[in-house]
Every structure is written in structure tokens, then in C-alpha cells.
Protein backbone atom coordinates (compact mmCIF):
# COMPACT_ATOMS: atom_id res chain seq x y z
CA MET A 1 96.47 112.82 107.15
CA THR A 2 98.41 110.59 104.76
CA ILE A 3 97.60 110.39 101.06
CA LEU A 4 98.93 107.28 99.39
CA CYS A 5 99.79 107.78 95.72
CA GLY A 6 102.51 105.24 95.04
CA THR A 7 106.26 104.99 95.19
CA PHE A 8 108.93 106.92 93.36
CA GLY A 9 112.43 105.86 92.47
CA HIS A 10 113.64 102.46 91.42
CA SER A 11 112.34 100.13 94.11
CA LYS A 12 112.06 96.42 93.39
CA HIS A 13 108.25 96.31 93.51
CA GLN A 14 107.46 99.84 92.35
CA ALA A 15 105.28 98.85 89.38
CA LEU A 16 103.23 96.41 91.42
CA THR A 17 102.77 98.83 94.32
CA ASN A 18 101.77 101.65 91.99
CA HIS A 19 99.24 99.34 90.33
CA THR A 20 97.64 97.79 93.39
CA LEU A 21 97.45 100.93 95.52
CA PRO A 22 94.88 102.81 93.39
CA VAL A 23 92.87 99.59 93.04
CA ALA A 24 92.78 99.27 96.84
CA LYS A 25 91.82 102.93 97.26
CA TYR A 26 88.97 102.58 94.77
CA PHE A 27 87.84 99.33 96.39
CA ILE A 28 87.70 100.95 99.84
CA TYR A 29 85.93 104.00 98.42
CA GLU A 30 83.22 101.86 96.76
CA TYR A 31 82.55 99.98 100.00
CA PHE A 32 82.44 103.25 101.92
CA LEU A 33 79.88 104.72 99.51
CA ASN A 34 77.70 101.62 99.76
CA GLU A 35 78.15 101.50 103.55
CA GLU A 36 79.22 97.86 103.40
CA PRO A 37 81.92 96.13 105.44
CA LEU A 38 85.17 95.54 103.56
CA ASP A 39 85.71 92.05 102.21
CA PHE A 40 89.41 91.39 101.65
CA GLU A 41 88.68 88.22 99.65
CA LEU A 42 86.83 90.30 97.05
CA TYR A 43 89.83 92.63 96.83
CA LYS A 44 92.07 89.65 96.14
CA LEU A 45 89.62 88.49 93.48
CA LEU A 46 89.67 91.94 91.88
CA LEU A 47 93.48 91.91 91.80
CA ARG A 48 93.45 88.42 90.32
CA GLU A 49 91.11 89.55 87.52
CA LYS A 50 93.37 92.52 86.77
CA ALA A 51 96.43 90.27 86.74
CA LEU A 52 94.75 87.81 84.38
CA ALA A 53 93.73 90.62 82.02
CA GLU A 54 97.27 91.98 82.07
CA LYS A 55 98.61 88.46 81.48
CA HIS A 56 96.45 88.10 78.39
CA ILE A 57 97.69 91.46 77.05
CA ALA A 58 101.29 90.47 77.80
CA PHE A 59 100.93 87.29 75.76
CA LYS A 60 99.48 89.25 72.84
CA ASN A 61 102.33 91.79 73.01
CA ASN A 62 105.11 89.25 73.65
CA SER A 63 105.97 90.97 76.94
CA PHE A 64 105.39 88.08 79.32
CA ALA A 65 108.76 88.62 81.04
CA THR A 66 107.68 92.12 82.09
CA PHE A 67 104.34 90.80 83.34
CA ASN A 68 106.00 88.00 85.29
CA LYS A 69 108.52 90.39 86.86
CA LYS A 70 105.73 92.74 87.99
CA TRP A 71 103.25 90.20 89.41
CA GLN A 72 105.59 87.48 90.70
CA PRO A 73 105.80 88.83 94.30
CA LEU A 74 102.05 88.41 94.80
CA VAL A 75 101.90 85.10 92.98
CA SER A 76 104.84 83.59 94.85
CA LYS A 77 103.26 84.51 98.21
CA ASN A 78 99.90 83.02 97.11
CA PHE A 79 98.23 86.41 97.53
CA ILE A 80 96.70 85.93 94.12
CA THR A 81 96.45 82.67 92.26
CA CYS A 82 97.39 83.63 88.75
CA THR A 83 99.53 80.97 87.09
CA VAL A 84 102.56 82.61 85.56
């Protein structure tokens, strides 16, 4: 059995992986409890909402560069559609 908790070290996408992994685990758990089939589009929507909330906080805290560095891999691959 494999338990996914995140990555350690200084990998390029460590912050993003460590953020999206628990969200995915929770998403899967909720669908399992409700005995519903997984809907990947809803997961992408959930990630987009989290990215937009984090974007708003980054603007308030003047840390947009950190936000952009973290979320850019998913935005550049059109996984989420959050304008950065």
C-alpha cells in the first residue's frame, strides 16, 4: 500500500505537488463516501477555485511572483484556467 503525502527536498514543483495532492485525496475520499463516480472536471474546477483564492491573497500581500511560480506549471499546460 502506498500513502501519498507529498514531496521532500527542493524539487521544481514541490509546492504545487504538496498543495494539489491533499486536495486530490480529499476529493477522492468525498466521492468514495457518497458512492459517486469520480468527475475529473470537478477536480479541475476545485483546483481553479483554490488557485483564484490564492491569487487574490497574493495580490493583497504583494507576493504575486511566488504565486505565479507555484501555479504556472498547471496554468501553462491549460490544466486550470487561472489567468496569471
